[in-house]
């Protein structure tokens, strides 16, 4: 099995909002980071996202999102 691909995205911490809870903002930011990485890295074609690591850095007001991708497994018998 080949090594997983690790990509780190650093985002600003979500600001408080009257309209959304902080957890909803947080999930939206992570979802947007995943789609942005997918679009910006053509070498991720044929891979699957299998893990996400998240680290809050309050001193810097940052959120570090680590995305782990691995190559898709192709079943030799079924071809899928």
Protein backbone atom coordinates (compact mmCIF):
# COMPACT_ATOMS: atom_id res chain seq x y z
CA UNK A 1 0.00 0.00 0.00
CA UNK A 2 1.32 3.43 -0.87
CA UNK A 3 1.85 6.29 1.56
CA UNK A 4 -1.08 8.59 2.34
CA UNK A 5 -1.01 12.16 1.05
CA UNK A 6 -1.10 14.78 3.82
CA UNK A 7 -2.20 18.36 3.12
CA UNK A 8 -2.39 21.10 5.77
CA UNK A 9 -4.75 24.08 5.38
CA UNK A 10 -4.56 26.98 7.84
CA UNK A 11 -7.81 28.92 8.27
CA UNK A 12 -8.87 31.81 10.50
CA UNK A 13 -10.96 30.88 13.53
CA UNK A 14 -14.67 31.50 12.88
CA UNK A 15 -16.01 34.78 14.24
CA UNK A 16 -19.08 34.76 16.49
CA UNK A 17 -22.31 35.26 14.55
CA UNK A 18 -25.94 35.93 15.41
CA UNK A 19 -27.08 33.68 12.58
CA UNK A 20 -24.95 30.56 12.98
CA UNK A 21 -23.53 28.70 15.92
CA UNK A 22 -19.77 28.44 16.09
CA UNK A 23 -19.88 24.67 15.41
CA UNK A 24 -21.93 25.23 12.23
CA UNK A 25 -19.42 27.83 11.02
CA UNK A 26 -16.59 25.46 11.89
CA UNK A 27 -18.10 22.59 9.89
CA UNK A 28 -18.75 24.86 6.89
CA UNK A 29 -15.13 26.04 6.95
CA UNK A 30 -13.80 22.47 7.03
CA UNK A 31 -16.13 21.46 4.18
CA UNK A 32 -14.98 24.43 2.09
CA UNK A 33 -11.32 23.60 2.84
CA UNK A 34 -11.82 20.04 1.58
CA UNK A 35 -13.43 21.20 -1.67
CA UNK A 36 -10.79 23.92 -2.17
CA UNK A 37 -7.98 21.37 -1.73
CA UNK A 38 -9.69 18.92 -4.11
CA UNK A 39 -9.97 21.60 -6.83
CA UNK A 40 -6.46 22.95 -6.32
CA UNK A 41 -4.56 19.65 -6.37
CA UNK A 42 -5.05 17.63 -9.57
CA UNK A 43 -2.73 14.92 -8.20
CA UNK A 44 -5.54 13.97 -5.78
CA UNK A 45 -7.50 12.46 -8.68
CA UNK A 46 -8.15 8.80 -7.85
CA UNK A 47 -7.77 9.29 -4.10
CA UNK A 48 -10.20 9.24 -1.20
CA UNK A 49 -10.28 11.46 1.86
CA UNK A 50 -9.99 9.09 4.80
CA UNK A 51 -9.11 11.24 7.81
CA UNK A 52 -9.20 14.84 8.99
CA UNK A 53 -7.13 16.27 11.82
CA UNK A 54 -8.09 19.60 13.35
CA UNK A 55 -6.01 21.75 15.68
CA UNK A 56 -7.07 25.05 17.16
CA UNK A 57 -4.34 27.68 17.65
CA UNK A 58 -6.14 30.35 19.71
CA UNK A 59 -3.02 32.46 20.32
CA UNK A 60 -2.74 33.08 16.56
CA UNK A 61 -6.49 32.99 15.85
CA UNK A 62 -5.95 30.09 13.44
CA UNK A 63 -7.48 26.72 12.75
CA UNK A 64 -5.19 24.06 11.26
CA UNK A 65 -6.98 21.41 9.19
CA UNK A 66 -4.91 18.40 8.13
CA UNK A 67 -6.44 16.30 5.35
CA UNK A 68 -5.26 12.75 4.70
CA UNK A 69 -5.90 11.15 1.31
CA UNK A 70 -5.11 7.63 0.13
CA UNK A 71 -5.32 6.02 -3.31
CA UNK A 72 -8.62 4.36 -4.17
CA UNK A 73 -8.58 0.60 -3.84
CA UNK A 74 -9.62 -1.24 -6.99
CA UNK A 75 -11.03 -4.72 -6.48
CA UNK A 76 -9.32 -6.92 -9.09
CA UNK A 77 -12.19 -9.47 -9.23
CA UNK A 78 -15.09 -7.06 -9.73
CA UNK A 79 -13.20 -4.18 -11.33
CA UNK A 80 -14.93 -1.69 -9.03
